[in-house]
Amino acid sequence: MFKDVKTIVNKVVDTAAGPIETFDQSLREHPEELIPLAVIHLIPVALTIVGTVVVIRGGQQVRIEKERTKQAKLRAAHGCHHGHHGPRGPHGHHPKFVHHDELPLA
């Protein structure tokens, strides 16, 4: 039984090695084909790299826009405009922090 398995494995190895040997022989006979073959194989690699970079940058832009939207919603919910927190008193203080000397006399 093991002899049959070994025979089958040897046939598979010989069959798989055939195309590789043919390819090697073809390159030995026509070395000028090496550069075009290399270029043909580099094009998909380059496109994959460029595509990956575009996807990563796009994801970063989406996160940035989500954060901007979140910040705008928070500002709108709190009534804040351009970093100011509502109306100021006469001396630039927030109205709830009015000093006792600024209280109106009744």
Protein backbone atom coordinates (compact mmCIF):
# COMPACT_ATOMS: atom_id res chain seq x y z
CA MET A 1 0.00 0.00 0.00
CA PHE A 2 2.79 2.48 0.88
CA LYS A 3 4.51 1.64 -2.40
CA ASP A 4 1.39 2.75 -4.29
CA VAL A 5 1.22 6.01 -2.35
CA LYS A 6 4.92 6.63 -2.95
CA THR A 7 4.47 6.00 -6.66
CA ILE A 8 1.52 8.39 -6.83
CA VAL A 9 3.46 11.09 -4.94
CA ASN A 10 6.45 10.70 -7.28
CA LYS A 11 4.18 11.05 -10.32
CA VAL A 12 2.61 14.21 -8.87
CA VAL A 13 6.05 15.72 -8.15
CA ASP A 14 7.27 14.90 -11.66
CA THR A 15 4.11 16.39 -13.18
CA ALA A 16 4.45 19.58 -11.12
CA ALA A 17 8.16 19.93 -11.93
CA GLY A 18 7.53 19.68 -15.69
CA PRO A 19 6.09 23.19 -16.22
CA ILE A 20 8.79 24.73 -14.02
CA GLU A 21 11.54 23.08 -16.05
CA THR A 22 9.82 24.17 -19.28
CA PHE A 23 9.62 27.76 -18.02
CA ASP A 24 13.29 27.73 -16.96
CA GLN A 25 14.32 26.31 -20.33
CA SER A 26 12.24 28.94 -22.15
CA LEU A 27 13.98 31.73 -20.19
CA ARG A 28 17.40 30.26 -20.97
CA GLU A 29 16.56 30.23 -24.67
CA HIS A 30 14.96 33.71 -24.70
CA PRO A 31 16.51 35.84 -21.91
CA GLU A 32 15.09 39.03 -23.46
CA GLU A 33 11.64 37.96 -22.23
CA LEU A 34 12.70 38.26 -18.59
CA ILE A 35 12.15 42.04 -18.29
CA PRO A 36 8.67 42.07 -19.88
CA LEU A 37 7.64 39.15 -17.63
CA ALA A 38 8.92 41.00 -14.57
CA VAL A 39 6.99 44.13 -15.56
CA ILE A 40 3.83 42.13 -16.14
CA HIS A 41 4.13 40.66 -12.65
CA LEU A 42 4.93 44.00 -11.01
CA ILE A 43 1.85 45.80 -12.37
CA PRO A 44 -0.65 43.94 -10.12
CA VAL A 45 1.64 44.40 -7.13
CA ALA A 46 1.89 48.14 -7.76
CA LEU A 47 -1.87 48.46 -8.23
CA THR A 48 -2.45 46.55 -5.00
CA ILE A 49 -0.13 48.88 -3.09
CA VAL A 50 -1.75 52.00 -4.55
CA GLY A 51 -5.23 50.65 -3.87
CA THR A 52 -4.34 49.85 -0.27
CA VAL A 53 -2.98 53.35 0.30
CA VAL A 54 -6.13 54.89 -1.19
CA VAL A 55 -8.36 52.75 1.05
CA ILE A 56 -6.35 53.64 4.16
CA ARG A 57 -6.44 57.37 3.36
CA GLY A 58 -10.15 57.18 2.62
CA GLY A 59 -10.78 55.54 5.99
CA GLN A 60 -8.79 58.24 7.72
CA GLN A 61 -10.78 60.96 5.94
CA VAL A 62 -14.04 59.31 7.01
CA ARG A 63 -12.87 59.25 10.65
CA ILE A 64 -11.81 62.91 10.43
CA GLU A 65 -15.18 63.95 8.98
CA LYS A 66 -17.05 61.94 11.62
CA GLU A 67 -15.08 63.71 14.35
CA ARG A 68 -15.77 67.11 12.76
CA THR A 69 -19.47 66.30 12.57
CA LYS A 70 -19.46 65.12 16.17
CA GLN A 71 -17.71 68.30 17.33
CA ALA A 72 -20.14 70.47 15.34
CA LYS A 73 -23.10 68.68 16.89
CA LEU A 74 -21.64 69.14 20.37
CA ARG A 75 -21.06 72.84 19.75
CA ALA A 76 -24.60 73.25 18.43
CA ALA A 77 -26.07 71.38 21.39
CA HIS A 78 -24.23 73.57 23.90
CA GLY A 79 -24.86 76.79 22.00
CA CYS A 80 -21.16 77.49 21.67
CA HIS A 81 -19.92 79.58 18.79
CA HIS A 82 -16.25 79.84 17.81
CA GLY A 83 -15.00 78.84 21.24
CA HIS A 84 -17.00 81.51 23.16
CA HIS A 85 -19.36 80.37 25.86
CA GLY A 86 -22.33 82.67 25.49
CA PRO A 87 -22.72 86.35 26.29
CA ARG A 88 -20.16 88.11 28.48
CA GLY A 89 -20.66 90.74 31.13
CA PRO A 90 -19.38 94.33 30.83
CA HIS A 91 -15.84 93.40 31.93
CA GLY A 92 -15.58 90.22 29.89
CA HIS A 93 -16.80 87.93 32.67
CA HIS A 94 -19.50 85.35 32.28
CA PRO A 95 -22.81 86.71 33.70
CA LYS A 96 -23.04 84.13 36.49
CA PHE A 97 -19.60 85.23 37.73
CA VAL A 98 -20.53 88.89 38.18
CA HIS A 99 -18.58 90.59 40.96
CA HIS A 100 -20.46 92.26 43.78
CA ASP A 101 -19.37 95.74 42.66
CA GLU A 102 -21.02 95.16 39.26
CA LEU A 103 -24.46 94.35 40.69
CA PRO A 104 -27.09 96.93 39.82
CA LEU A 105 -28.24 99.15 42.65
CA ALA A 106 -31.91 98.89 43.41
